[in-house]
């Protein structure tokens, strides 16, 4: 078995068939790859959709469990996988047809621990044709830390990479459980340990942006949970920086700057969740004081080559001056609820 595709799903009745359709329409022998579907306590009819689909495809395996969350479900998928390589994809995303064979062949040819590829954020649900018509014959194989340095702005989502299973098992790394953004530290760790990593510029993955996604859900309790998990992620990235320092890698300072940048990006977008939420000024003030104590706030390395537009400069200025932010907070919340302003 060459490849295991791990697909956690929860109440995915509306989208799971599209995802599966994209996974079976690949130039791969069905004996060479398996699709592991893990039902994470769904309460809709998604499981029935999948069972009907499975009757036509012998390489699909279904597992059901009580709801544990995405991180825990991906970890279970790792233990179930039999393939030499592992790929994680979310149930609401999909792949362009006939791209996985190119990715897998590249991974095998260059004996890579990790291989990244292109992902397209989209609202469209039918972009099954890849825009990549021809690939260059050579790719640059790098040590994982060098990959991080060269690809500072590359996404850390797990769906952007194919990973060698033996490498993953040897590192012992797992996804954080019970938290959103569970793949950020996981992916950083993978690259910090990888000896052979590369990027293949093939247009393969579709990241579907929906109004009901985790990041767009404006339910007060959900927003509170997201803010808590952003906070947890910030502290985890600080721990990661300490671990990089202990390694005495020659590239440590550059890698740390990369992590610090990602940390600032997450704090920046957390502010938008704070505006959308109903958490009190006192709670926000306590949070910002705690961030200040660990030297992650105010944001001092966010504006740069990726976030340089005037709107980012203005909003960072407001976020970095907390009393100004507090002054504007309730008017912003009022205008947002009336639909007069849009927030990221």
C-alpha atoms as a PDB file:
ATOM      1  CA  UNK A   1       0.000   0.000   0.000  1.00  0.00           C
ATOM      2  CA  UNK A   2       1.531   3.281  -1.109  1.00  0.00           C
ATOM      3  CA  UNK A   3      -0.856   5.913   0.201  1.00  0.00           C
ATOM      4  CA  UNK A   4      -3.378   6.385   3.003  1.00  0.00           C
ATOM      5  CA  UNK A   5      -5.768   9.334   2.685  1.00  0.00           C
ATOM      6  CA  UNK A   6      -7.265  10.257   6.060  1.00  0.00           C
ATOM      7  CA  UNK A   7     -10.627  12.054   5.957  1.00  0.00           C
ATOM      8  CA  UNK A   8     -12.172  12.974   9.324  1.00  0.00           C
ATOM      9  CA  UNK A   9     -15.776  14.085   9.024  1.00  0.00           C
ATOM     10  CA  UNK A  10     -18.480  15.486  11.253  1.00  0.00           C
ATOM     11  CA  UNK A  11     -21.939  16.300   9.880  1.00  0.00           C
ATOM     12  CA  UNK A  12     -20.542  16.472   6.357  1.00  0.00           C
ATOM     13  CA  UNK A  13     -23.606  15.255   4.487  1.00  0.00           C
ATOM     14  CA  UNK A  14     -23.577  18.285   2.176  1.00  0.00           C
ATOM     15  CA  UNK A  15     -19.950  18.008   1.071  1.00  0.00           C
ATOM     16  CA  UNK A  16     -18.461  14.564   1.684  1.00  0.00           C
ATOM     17  CA  UNK A  17     -19.528  13.091  -1.656  1.00  0.00           C
ATOM     18  CA  UNK A  18     -17.725  15.888  -3.532  1.00  0.00           C
ATOM     19  CA  UNK A  19     -14.559  15.239  -1.539  1.00  0.00           C
ATOM     20  CA  UNK A  20     -14.771  11.492  -2.153  1.00  0.00           C
ATOM     21  CA  UNK A  21     -15.489  11.972  -5.832  1.00  0.00           C
ATOM     22  CA  UNK A  22     -12.267  13.950  -6.130  1.00  0.00           C
ATOM     23  CA  UNK A  23     -10.289  11.275  -4.282  1.00  0.00           C
ATOM     24  CA  UNK A  24     -11.402   8.379  -6.478  1.00  0.00           C
ATOM     25  CA  UNK A  25     -10.842  10.310  -9.705  1.00  0.00           C
ATOM     26  CA  UNK A  26      -7.075  10.052  -9.528  1.00  0.00           C
ATOM     27  CA  UNK A  27      -4.627   8.238 -11.799  1.00  0.00           C
ATOM     28  CA  UNK A  28      -3.832   5.706  -9.086  1.00  0.00           C
ATOM     29  CA  UNK A  29      -4.374   1.979  -8.945  1.00  0.00           C
ATOM     30  CA  UNK A  30      -7.009   1.414  -6.266  1.00  0.00           C
ATOM     31  CA  UNK A  31      -4.851  -1.374  -4.816  1.00  0.00           C
ATOM     32  CA  UNK A  32      -2.148   1.216  -4.116  1.00  0.00           C
ATOM     33  CA  UNK A  33      -4.142   3.601  -1.945  1.00  0.00           C
ATOM     34  CA  UNK A  34      -6.790   3.560   0.732  1.00  0.00           C
ATOM     35  CA  UNK A  35      -9.278   6.211   1.806  1.00  0.00           C
ATOM     36  CA  UNK A  36      -9.847   6.142   5.565  1.00  0.00           C
ATOM     37  CA  UNK A  37     -13.080   7.897   6.525  1.00  0.00           C
ATOM     38  CA  UNK A  38     -13.485   8.555  10.241  1.00  0.00           C
ATOM     39  CA  UNK A  39     -16.963   9.484  11.386  1.00  0.00           C
ATOM     40  CA  UNK A  40     -16.440  11.740  14.398  1.00  0.00           C
ATOM     41  CA  UNK A  41     -19.861  11.381  16.006  1.00  0.00           C
ATOM     42  CA  UNK A  42     -21.963  12.783  13.149  1.00  0.00           C
ATOM     43  CA  UNK A  43     -25.673  13.292  13.713  1.00  0.00           C
ATOM     44  CA  UNK A  44     -26.707  13.899  10.074  1.00  0.00           C
ATOM     45  CA  UNK A  45     -27.015  11.470   7.146  1.00  0.00           C
ATOM     46  CA  UNK A  46     -23.391  11.788   6.022  1.00  0.00           C
ATOM     47  CA  UNK A  47     -22.609   8.230   7.056  1.00  0.00           C
ATOM     48  CA  UNK A  48     -25.361   6.879   4.767  1.00  0.00           C
ATOM     49  CA  UNK A  49     -23.935   8.870   1.853  1.00  0.00           C
ATOM     50  CA  UNK A  50     -20.513   7.373   2.474  1.00  0.00           C
ATOM     51  CA  UNK A  51     -21.790   3.820   2.860  1.00  0.00           C
ATOM     52  CA  UNK A  52     -23.518   4.092  -0.524  1.00  0.00           C
ATOM     53  CA  UNK A  53     -20.291   5.427  -2.045  1.00  0.00           C
ATOM     54  CA  UNK A  54     -18.224   2.637  -0.477  1.00  0.00           C
ATOM     55  CA  UNK A  55     -20.235  -0.055  -2.301  1.00  0.00           C
ATOM     56  CA  UNK A  56     -18.601   1.096  -5.559  1.00  0.00           C
ATOM     57  CA  UNK A  57     -15.046   1.513  -4.211  1.00  0.00           C
ATOM     58  CA  UNK A  58     -13.292  -1.316  -2.386  1.00  0.00           C
ATOM     59  CA  UNK A  59     -10.434   0.896  -1.171  1.00  0.00           C
ATOM     60  CA  UNK A  60     -12.683   2.927   1.139  1.00  0.00           C
ATOM     61  CA  UNK A  61     -12.718   2.077   4.848  1.00  0.00           C
ATOM     62  CA  UNK A  62     -15.138   3.619   7.340  1.00  0.00           C
ATOM     63  CA  UNK A  63     -14.631   3.971  11.083  1.00  0.00           C
ATOM     64  CA  UNK A  64     -17.074   5.547  13.534  1.00  0.00           C
ATOM     65  CA  UNK A  65     -16.470   6.966  16.987  1.00  0.00           C
ATOM     66  CA  UNK A  66     -17.893   9.363  19.548  1.00  0.00           C
ATOM     67  CA  UNK A  67     -17.046  12.992  18.864  1.00  0.00           C
ATOM     68  CA  UNK A  68     -13.387  13.720  19.751  1.00  0.00           C
ATOM     69  CA  UNK A  69     -12.571  16.664  17.489  1.00  0.00           C
ATOM     70  CA  UNK A  70     -10.355  17.025  14.439  1.00  0.00           C
ATOM     71  CA  UNK A  71      -6.946  16.686  16.085  1.00  0.00           C
ATOM     72  CA  UNK A  72      -7.813  13.477  17.941  1.00  0.00           C
ATOM     73  CA  UNK A  73      -9.492  12.019  14.845  1.00  0.00           C
ATOM     74  CA  UNK A  74      -6.446  12.680  12.668  1.00  0.00           C
ATOM     75  CA  UNK A  75      -4.279  10.971  15.293  1.00  0.00           C
ATOM     76  CA  UNK A  76      -6.535   7.922  15.158  1.00  0.00           C
ATOM     77  CA  UNK A  77      -6.195   8.000  11.359  1.00  0.00           C
ATOM     78  CA  UNK A  78      -2.403   7.798  11.688  1.00  0.00           C
ATOM     79  CA  UNK A  79      -2.712   4.601  13.735  1.00  0.00           C
ATOM     80  CA  UNK A  80      -5.118   3.095  11.174  1.00  0.00           C
ATOM     81  CA  UNK A  81      -3.060   3.993   8.097  1.00  0.00           C
ATOM     82  CA  UNK A  82      -1.258   1.233   6.185  1.00  0.00           C
ATOM     83  CA  UNK A  83       0.258   3.276   3.369  1.00  0.00           C
ATOM     84  CA  UNK A  84       3.887   4.292   3.027  1.00  0.00           C
ATOM     85  CA  UNK A  85       2.663   7.874   2.780  1.00  0.00           C
ATOM     86  CA  UNK A  86      -0.127   9.750   4.523  1.00  0.00           C
ATOM     87  CA  UNK A  87      -2.324  12.575   3.299  1.00  0.00           C
ATOM     88  CA  UNK A  88      -4.869  14.465   5.427  1.00  0.00           C
ATOM     89  CA  UNK A  89      -7.809  16.212   3.796  1.00  0.00           C
ATOM     90  CA  UNK A  90     -10.850  17.858   5.373  1.00  0.00           C
ATOM     91  CA  UNK A  91     -14.263  16.643   4.294  1.00  0.00           C
ATOM     92  CA  UNK A  92     -15.376  20.035   2.982  1.00  0.00           C
ATOM     93  CA  UNK A  93     -12.300  20.398   0.740  1.00  0.00           C
ATOM     94  CA  UNK A  94     -11.445  18.506  -2.436  1.00  0.00           C
ATOM     95  CA  UNK A  95      -8.680  17.797  -4.946  1.00  0.00           C
ATOM     96  CA  UNK A  96      -8.321  18.469  -8.648  1.00  0.00           C
ATOM     97  CA  UNK A  97      -8.688  15.241 -10.615  1.00  0.00           C
ATOM     98  CA  UNK A  98      -5.570  13.278 -11.569  1.00  0.00           C
ATOM     99  CA  UNK A  99      -3.073  15.180  -9.454  1.00  0.00           C
ATOM    100  CA  UNK A 100      -2.311  12.734  -6.658  1.00  0.00           C
ATOM    101  CA  UNK A 101      -0.315  10.386  -8.867  1.00  0.00           C
ATOM    102  CA  UNK A 102       2.058  13.200  -9.859  1.00  0.00           C
ATOM    103  CA  UNK A 103       2.494  14.202  -6.206  1.00  0.00           C
ATOM    104  CA  UNK A 104       2.997  10.640  -4.998  1.00  0.00           C
ATOM    105  CA  UNK A 105       5.464   9.790  -7.783  1.00  0.00           C
ATOM    106  CA  UNK A 106       7.491  12.895  -6.921  1.00  0.00           C
ATOM    107  CA  UNK A 107       7.539  11.931  -3.250  1.00  0.00           C
ATOM    108  CA  UNK A 108       8.775   8.432  -4.086  1.00  0.00           C
ATOM    109  CA  UNK A 109      11.294   9.530  -6.699  1.00  0.00           C
ATOM    110  CA  UNK A 110      13.048  11.990  -4.379  1.00  0.00           C
ATOM    111  CA  UNK A 111      12.532   9.922  -1.207  1.00  0.00           C
ATOM    112  CA  UNK A 112      10.950  12.850   0.628  1.00  0.00           C
ATOM    113  CA  UNK A 113       9.790  13.058   4.222  1.00  0.00           C
ATOM    114  CA  UNK A 114       7.413  15.900   3.368  1.00  0.00           C
ATOM    115  CA  UNK A 115       6.130  17.235   0.042  1.00  0.00           C
ATOM    116  CA  UNK A 116       4.085  20.414  -0.250  1.00  0.00           C
ATOM    117  CA  UNK A 117       1.899  21.523  -3.166  1.00  0.00           C
ATOM    118  CA  UNK A 118      -0.448  24.313  -4.177  1.00  0.00           C
ATOM    119  CA  UNK A 119      -3.810  24.976  -2.574  1.00  0.00           C
ATOM    120  CA  UNK A 120      -6.478  27.266  -3.978  1.00  0.00           C
ATOM    121  CA  UNK A 121      -8.882  29.034  -1.571  1.00  0.00           C
ATOM    122  CA  UNK A 122     -12.256  29.158  -3.307  1.00  0.00           C
ATOM    123  CA  UNK A 123     -16.010  29.352  -2.878  1.00  0.00           C
ATOM    124  CA  UNK A 124     -16.480  27.260  -6.013  1.00  0.00           C
ATOM    125  CA  UNK A 125     -17.354  23.590  -5.703  1.00  0.00           C
ATOM    126  CA  UNK A 126     -16.507  22.300  -9.172  1.00  0.00           C
ATOM    127  CA  UNK A 127     -12.864  23.205  -9.862  1.00  0.00           C
ATOM    128  CA  UNK A 128     -11.832  19.654 -10.642  1.00  0.00           C
ATOM    129  CA  UNK A 129      -9.411  20.536 -13.430  1.00  0.00           C
ATOM    130  CA  UNK A 130      -5.868  21.458 -12.435  1.00  0.00           C
ATOM    131  CA  UNK A 131      -4.438  24.626 -13.985  1.00  0.00           C
ATOM    132  CA  UNK A 132      -0.995  23.026 -13.990  1.00  0.00           C
ATOM    133  CA  UNK A 133      -0.343  21.740 -17.498  1.00  0.00           C
ATOM    134  CA  UNK A 134       3.369  21.045 -17.249  1.00  0.00           C
ATOM    135  CA  UNK A 135       5.831  20.713 -14.390  1.00  0.00           C
ATOM    136  CA  UNK A 136       9.533  21.383 -14.382  1.00  0.00           C
ATOM    137  CA  UNK A 137      11.532  18.161 -14.220  1.00  0.00           C
ATOM    138  CA  UNK A 138      13.598  19.137 -11.191  1.00  0.00           C
ATOM    139  CA  UNK A 139      12.547  20.179  -7.727  1.00  0.00           C
ATOM    140  CA  UNK A 140      14.733  21.472  -4.934  1.00  0.00           C
ATOM    141  CA  UNK A 141      15.134  19.016  -2.060  1.00  0.00           C
ATOM    142  CA  UNK A 142      15.873  20.823   1.200  1.00  0.00           C
ATOM    143  CA  UNK A 143      16.375  20.092   4.843  1.00  0.00           C
ATOM    144  CA  UNK A 144      13.100  20.909   6.595  1.00  0.00           C
ATOM    145  CA  UNK A 145      14.532  23.928   8.417  1.00  0.00           C
ATOM    146  CA  UNK A 146      15.831  25.297   5.110  1.00  0.00           C
ATOM    147  CA  UNK A 147      12.367  24.769   3.621  1.00  0.00           C
ATOM    148  CA  UNK A 148      10.849  26.886   6.411  1.00  0.00           C
ATOM    149  CA  UNK A 149      13.380  29.634   5.756  1.00  0.00           C
ATOM    150  CA  UNK A 150      12.868  29.631   2.006  1.00  0.00           C
ATOM    151  CA  UNK A 151       9.061  29.359   2.256  1.00  0.00           C
ATOM    152  CA  UNK A 152       8.311  31.786   5.079  1.00  0.00           C
ATOM    153  CA  UNK A 153       4.719  32.333   4.016  1.00  0.00           C
ATOM    154  CA  UNK A 154       3.845  28.773   3.072  1.00  0.00           C
ATOM    155  CA  UNK A 155       0.713  27.561   4.801  1.00  0.00           C
ATOM    156  CA  UNK A 156       0.988  25.259   7.820  1.00  0.00           C
ATOM    157  CA  UNK A 157      -2.297  23.447   7.212  1.00  0.00           C
ATOM    158  CA  UNK A 158      -1.933  19.669   7.155  1.00  0.00           C
ATOM    159  CA  UNK A 159      -3.891  19.406   3.881  1.00  0.00           C
ATOM    160  CA  UNK A 160      -1.026  21.075   1.989  1.00  0.00           C
ATOM    161  CA  UNK A 161       1.422  18.181   2.466  1.00  0.00           C
ATOM    162  CA  UNK A 162       2.075  14.512   1.810  1.00  0.00           C
ATOM    163  CA  UNK A 163       4.085  12.913   4.640  1.00  0.00           C
ATOM    164  CA  UNK A 164       6.118   9.705   4.771  1.00  0.00           C
ATOM    165  CA  UNK A 165       4.447   7.492   7.386  1.00  0.00           C
ATOM    166  CA  UNK A 166       7.672   5.952   8.752  1.00  0.00           C
ATOM    167  CA  UNK A 167       9.091   9.446   9.269  1.00  0.00           C
ATOM    168  CA  UNK A 168       5.912  10.561  11.030  1.00  0.00           C
ATOM    169  CA  UNK A 169       5.895   7.519  13.306  1.00  0.00           C
ATOM    170  CA  UNK A 170       9.599   7.891  14.117  1.00  0.00           C
ATOM    171  CA  UNK A 171       9.147  11.520  15.186  1.00  0.00           C
ATOM    172  CA  UNK A 172       6.186  10.604  17.372  1.00  0.00           C
ATOM    173  CA  UNK A 173       4.500  13.912  16.583  1.00  0.00           C
ATOM    174  CA  UNK A 174       0.737  14.080  16.903  1.00  0.00           C
ATOM    175  CA  UNK A 175      -1.900  16.728  16.437  1.00  0.00           C
ATOM    176  CA  UNK A 176      -2.965  18.782  19.445  1.00  0.00           C
ATOM    177  CA  UNK A 177      -6.296  17.406  20.629  1.00  0.00           C
ATOM    178  CA  UNK A 178      -9.324  19.408  21.671  1.00  0.00           C
ATOM    179  CA  UNK A 179      -8.071  22.644  20.065  1.00  0.00           C
ATOM    180  CA  UNK A 180      -8.619  24.558  16.845  1.00  0.00           C
ATOM    181  CA  UNK A 181      -5.471  25.337  14.802  1.00  0.00           C
ATOM    182  CA  UNK A 182      -4.267  21.859  15.759  1.00  0.00           C
ATOM    183  CA  UNK A 183      -1.982  21.521  12.750  1.00  0.00           C
ATOM    184  CA  UNK A 184       0.173  24.663  13.144  1.00  0.00           C
ATOM    185  CA  UNK A 185       2.632  23.318  15.727  1.00  0.00           C
ATOM    186  CA  UNK A 186       2.363  19.822  14.226  1.00  0.00           C
ATOM    187  CA  UNK A 187       3.507  21.039  10.809  1.00  0.00           C
ATOM    188  CA  UNK A 188       6.260  23.221  12.262  1.00  0.00           C
ATOM    189  CA  UNK A 189       7.580  20.200  14.173  1.00  0.00           C
ATOM    190  CA  UNK A 190       7.485  18.018  11.066  1.00  0.00           C
ATOM    191  CA  UNK A 191       9.666  20.453   9.156  1.00  0.00           C
ATOM    192  CA  UNK A 192      12.038  20.981  12.072  1.00  0.00           C
ATOM    193  CA  UNK A 193      12.782  17.223  12.015  1.00  0.00           C
ATOM    194  CA  UNK A 194      12.624  16.595   8.277  1.00  0.00           C
ATOM    195  CA  UNK A 195      15.845  15.804   6.404  1.00  0.00           C
ATOM    196  CA  UNK A 196      14.268  15.836   2.939  1.00  0.00           C
ATOM    197  CA  UNK A 197      11.447  18.254   2.097  1.00  0.00           C
ATOM    198  CA  UNK A 198      10.317  19.833  -1.145  1.00  0.00           C
ATOM    199  CA  UNK A 199       7.593  21.829  -2.830  1.00  0.00           C
ATOM    200  CA  UNK A 200       5.899  20.739  -6.051  1.00  0.00           C
ATOM    201  CA  UNK A 201       4.122  23.630  -7.843  1.00  0.00           C
ATOM    202  CA  UNK A 202       1.087  21.616  -8.873  1.00  0.00           C
ATOM    203  CA  UNK A 203      -2.409  23.079  -8.546  1.00  0.00           C
ATOM    204  CA  UNK A 204      -4.041  20.253  -6.587  1.00  0.00           C
ATOM    205  CA  UNK A 205      -5.926  21.165  -3.408  1.00  0.00           C
ATOM    206  CA  UNK A 206      -9.144  23.172  -3.083  1.00  0.00           C
ATOM    207  CA  UNK A 207      -9.684  24.899   0.254  1.00  0.00           C
ATOM    208  CA  UNK A 208     -13.403  25.608   0.278  1.00  0.00           C
ATOM    209  CA  UNK A 209     -14.371  28.813   2.071  1.00  0.00           C
ATOM    210  CA  UNK A 210     -17.880  28.607   3.517  1.00  0.00           C
ATOM    211  CA  UNK A 211     -19.946  30.825   5.786  1.00  0.00           C
ATOM    212  CA  UNK A 212     -20.497  27.887   8.145  1.00  0.00           C
ATOM    213  CA  UNK A 213     -16.830  26.959   8.529  1.00  0.00           C
ATOM    214  CA  UNK A 214     -14.991  26.959  11.854  1.00  0.00           C
ATOM    215  CA  UNK A 215     -13.373  30.309  11.119  1.00  0.00           C
ATOM    216  CA  UNK A 216     -16.634  31.987  10.030  1.00  0.00           C
ATOM    217  CA  UNK A 217     -18.898  30.756  12.841  1.00  0.00           C
ATOM    218  CA  UNK A 218     -20.033  33.771  14.913  1.00  0.00           C
ATOM    219  CA  UNK A 219     -21.772  31.858  17.689  1.00  0.00           C
ATOM    220  CA  UNK A 220     -20.668  33.516  20.998  1.00  0.00           C
ATOM    221  CA  UNK A 221     -19.548  30.262  22.622  1.00  0.00           C
ATOM    222  CA  UNK A 222     -17.711  29.243  19.472  1.00  0.00           C
ATOM    223  CA  UNK A 223     -15.925  32.603  19.329  1.00  0.00           C
ATOM    224  CA  UNK A 224     -14.952  32.268  22.981  1.00  0.00           C
ATOM    225  CA  UNK A 225     -13.512  28.825  22.228  1.00  0.00           C
ATOM    226  CA  UNK A 226     -11.571  30.127  19.213  1.00  0.00           C
ATOM    227  CA  UNK A 227     -10.059  32.966  21.261  1.00  0.00           C
ATOM    228  CA  UNK A 228      -9.037  30.491  23.965  1.00  0.00           C
ATOM    229  CA  UNK A 229      -7.435  28.250  21.347  1.00  0.00           C
ATOM    230  CA  UNK A 230      -5.639  31.173  19.720  1.00  0.00           C
ATOM    231  CA  UNK A 231      -4.214  31.916  23.178  1.00  0.00           C
ATOM    232  CA  UNK A 232      -3.156  28.309  23.654  1.00  0.00           C
ATOM    233  CA  UNK A 233      -1.489  28.347  20.232  1.00  0.00           C
ATOM    234  CA  UNK A 234       0.503  31.493  21.099  1.00  0.00           C
ATOM    235  CA  UNK A 235       1.911  29.828  24.205  1.00  0.00           C
ATOM    236  CA  UNK A 236       2.657  26.644  22.242  1.00  0.00           C
ATOM    237  CA  UNK A 237       4.596  28.637  19.647  1.00  0.00           C
ATOM    238  CA  UNK A 238       6.612  30.200  22.461  1.00  0.00           C
ATOM    239  CA  UNK A 239       7.497  26.725  23.699  1.00  0.00           C
ATOM    240  CA  UNK A 240       8.476  25.790  20.160  1.00  0.00           C
ATOM    241  CA  UNK A 241      10.846  28.768  20.013  1.00  0.00           C
ATOM    242  CA  UNK A 242      12.506  27.585  23.226  1.00  0.00           C
ATOM    243  CA  UNK A 243      12.966  24.130  21.709  1.00  0.00           C
ATOM    244  CA  UNK A 244      14.561  25.589  18.578  1.00  0.00           C
ATOM    245  CA  UNK A 245      16.996  27.540  20.754  1.00  0.00           C
ATOM    246  CA  UNK A 246      18.060  24.334  22.493  1.00  0.00           C
ATOM    247  CA  UNK A 247      18.931  22.691  19.176  1.00  0.00           C
ATOM    248  CA  UNK A 248      21.724  25.203  18.428  1.00  0.00           C
ATOM    249  CA  UNK A 249      20.925  25.007  14.723  1.00  0.00           C
ATOM    250  CA  UNK A 250      22.920  27.428  12.572  1.00  0.00           C
ATOM    251  CA  UNK A 251      19.617  28.700  11.158  1.00  0.00           C
ATOM    252  CA  UNK A 252      17.946  29.032  14.588  1.00  0.00           C
ATOM    253  CA  UNK A 253      17.587  32.824  14.511  1.00  0.00           C
ATOM    254  CA  UNK A 254      15.909  32.787  11.086  1.00  0.00           C
ATOM    255  CA  UNK A 255      13.605  29.912  12.043  1.00  0.00           C
ATOM    256  CA  UNK A 256      12.623  31.728  15.226  1.00  0.00           C
ATOM    257  CA  UNK A 257      11.782  34.851  13.225  1.00  0.00           C
ATOM    258  CA  UNK A 258       9.551  32.655  11.056  1.00  0.00           C
ATOM    259  CA  UNK A 259       7.754  31.283  14.130  1.00  0.00           C
ATOM    260  CA  UNK A 260       7.474  34.769  15.628  1.00  0.00           C
ATOM    261  CA  UNK A 261       5.900  36.002  12.409  1.00  0.00           C
ATOM    262  CA  UNK A 262       3.309  33.192  12.444  1.00  0.00           C
ATOM    263  CA  UNK A 263       2.660  33.973  16.105  1.00  0.00           C
ATOM    264  CA  UNK A 264       1.991  37.630  15.288  1.00  0.00           C
ATOM    265  CA  UNK A 265      -0.290  36.670  12.396  1.00  0.00           C
ATOM    266  CA  UNK A 266      -2.423  34.563  14.730  1.00  0.00           C
ATOM    267  CA  UNK A 267      -2.634  37.326  17.339  1.00  0.00           C
ATOM    268  CA  UNK A 268      -3.608  39.802  14.633  1.00  0.00           C
ATOM    269  CA  UNK A 269      -6.500  37.667  13.385  1.00  0.00           C
ATOM    270  CA  UNK A 270      -7.514  36.861  16.955  1.00  0.00           C
ATOM    271  CA  UNK A 271      -8.346  40.559  17.384  1.00  0.00           C
ATOM    272  CA  UNK A 272     -11.066  40.218  14.753  1.00  0.00           C
ATOM    273  CA  UNK A 273     -12.595  37.331  16.703  1.00  0.00           C
ATOM    274  CA  UNK A 274     -12.471  39.504  19.827  1.00  0.00           C
ATOM    275  CA  UNK A 275     -14.420  42.230  18.019  1.00  0.00           C
ATOM    276  CA  UNK A 276     -17.039  39.725  16.853  1.00  0.00           C
ATOM    277  CA  UNK A 277     -17.315  38.175  20.326  1.00  0.00           C
ATOM    278  CA  UNK A 278     -19.036  39.426  23.471  1.00  0.00           C
ATOM    279  CA  UNK A 279     -16.102  38.954  25.849  1.00  0.00           C
ATOM    280  CA  UNK A 280     -15.611  41.876  28.233  1.00  0.00           C
ATOM    281  CA  UNK A 281     -12.987  44.604  28.119  1.00  0.00           C
ATOM    282  CA  UNK A 282     -11.645  43.323  31.449  1.00  0.00           C
ATOM    283  CA  UNK A 283     -11.094  39.861  29.994  1.00  0.00           C
ATOM    284  CA  UNK A 284      -9.435  41.328  26.892  1.00  0.00           C
ATOM    285  CA  UNK A 285      -7.212  43.533  29.046  1.00  0.00           C
ATOM    286  CA  UNK A 286      -6.114  40.526  31.131  1.00  0.00           C
ATOM    287  CA  UNK A 287      -5.335  38.633  27.949  1.00  0.00           C
ATOM    288  CA  UNK A 288      -3.252  41.450  26.489  1.00  0.00           C
ATOM    289  CA  UNK A 289      -1.399  41.928  29.786  1.00  0.00           C
ATOM    290  CA  UNK A 290      -0.493  38.227  29.746  1.00  0.00           C
ATOM    291  CA  UNK A 291       0.708  38.530  26.148  1.00  0.00           C
ATOM    292  CA  UNK A 292       2.762  41.568  27.080  1.00  0.00           C
ATOM    293  CA  UNK A 293       4.488  39.621  29.863  1.00  0.00           C
ATOM    294  CA  UNK A 294       5.710  37.013  27.393  1.00  0.00           C
ATOM    295  CA  UNK A 295       6.760  39.695  24.871  1.00  0.00           C
ATOM    296  CA  UNK A 296       4.280  38.840  22.130  1.00  0.00           C
ATOM    297  CA  UNK A 297       2.218  42.036  22.373  1.00  0.00           C
ATOM    298  CA  UNK A 298       2.276  44.721  21.041  1.00  0.00           C
ATOM    299  CA  UNK A 299       2.809  43.241  17.577  1.00  0.00           C
ATOM    300  CA  UNK A 300       6.180  44.314  16.262  1.00  0.00           C
ATOM    301  CA  UNK A 301       6.927  41.988  13.367  1.00  0.00           C
ATOM    302  CA  UNK A 302       3.604  41.650  11.552  1.00  0.00           C
ATOM    303  CA  UNK A 303       3.878  44.386   8.917  1.00  0.00           C
ATOM    304  CA  UNK A 304       6.221  43.325   6.134  1.00  0.00           C
ATOM    305  CA  UNK A 305       6.419  41.661   2.763  1.00  0.00           C
ATOM    306  CA  UNK A 306       3.103  39.781   3.094  1.00  0.00           C
ATOM    307  CA  UNK A 307       1.001  42.208   5.164  1.00  0.00           C
ATOM    308  CA  UNK A 308       1.962  45.658   3.940  1.00  0.00           C
ATOM    309  CA  UNK A 309      -1.252  47.309   2.718  1.00  0.00           C
ATOM    310  CA  UNK A 310      -2.480  50.439   4.418  1.00  0.00           C
ATOM    311  CA  UNK A 311      -5.411  48.626   6.050  1.00  0.00           C
ATOM    312  CA  UNK A 312      -2.998  46.327   7.895  1.00  0.00           C
ATOM    313  CA  UNK A 313      -0.878  49.253   9.077  1.00  0.00           C
ATOM    314  CA  UNK A 314      -3.957  51.068  10.385  1.00  0.00           C
ATOM    315  CA  UNK A 315      -5.461  48.053  12.133  1.00  0.00           C
ATOM    316  CA  UNK A 316      -2.126  47.029  13.702  1.00  0.00           C
ATOM    317  CA  UNK A 317      -1.749  50.561  15.047  1.00  0.00           C
ATOM    318  CA  UNK A 318      -5.218  50.311  16.641  1.00  0.00           C
ATOM    319  CA  UNK A 319      -4.629  46.814  18.017  1.00  0.00           C
ATOM    320  CA  UNK A 320      -1.234  47.798  19.433  1.00  0.00           C
ATOM    321  CA  UNK A 321      -2.739  50.732  21.379  1.00  0.00           C
ATOM    322  CA  UNK A 322      -5.154  48.873  23.584  1.00  0.00           C
ATOM    323  CA  UNK A 323      -6.947  51.907  25.048  1.00  0.00           C
ATOM    324  CA  UNK A 324      -7.667  53.143  21.548  1.00  0.00           C
ATOM    325  CA  UNK A 325      -8.862  49.632  20.690  1.00  0.00           C
ATOM    326  CA  UNK A 326     -11.123  49.588  23.773  1.00  0.00           C
ATOM    327  CA  UNK A 327     -12.534  52.974  22.770  1.00  0.00           C
ATOM    328  CA  UNK A 328     -13.443  51.657  19.319  1.00  0.00           C
ATOM    329  CA  UNK A 329     -14.488  48.143  20.383  1.00  0.00           C
ATOM    330  CA  UNK A 330     -18.187  48.656  21.116  1.00  0.00           C
ATOM    331  CA  UNK A 331     -18.869  50.882  18.077  1.00  0.00           C
ATOM    332  CA  UNK A 332     -17.157  48.258  15.897  1.00  0.00           C
ATOM    333  CA  UNK A 333     -19.259  45.499  17.438  1.00  0.00           C
ATOM    334  CA  UNK A 334     -22.418  47.558  16.876  1.00  0.00           C
ATOM    335  CA  UNK A 335     -21.622  48.308  13.234  1.00  0.00           C
ATOM    336  CA  UNK A 336     -20.661  44.661  12.604  1.00  0.00           C
ATOM    337  CA  UNK A 337     -23.926  43.341  14.001  1.00  0.00           C
ATOM    338  CA  UNK A 338     -25.839  45.771  11.795  1.00  0.00           C
ATOM    339  CA  UNK A 339     -23.895  44.518   8.780  1.00  0.00           C
ATOM    340  CA  UNK A 340     -22.404  47.943   8.109  1.00  0.00           C
ATOM    341  CA  UNK A 341     -18.796  46.696   8.251  1.00  0.00           C
ATOM    342  CA  UNK A 342     -17.118  43.456   7.311  1.00  0.00           C
ATOM    343  CA  UNK A 343     -14.462  41.792   9.427  1.00  0.00           C
ATOM    344  CA  UNK A 344     -11.865  39.210   8.438  1.00  0.00           C
END
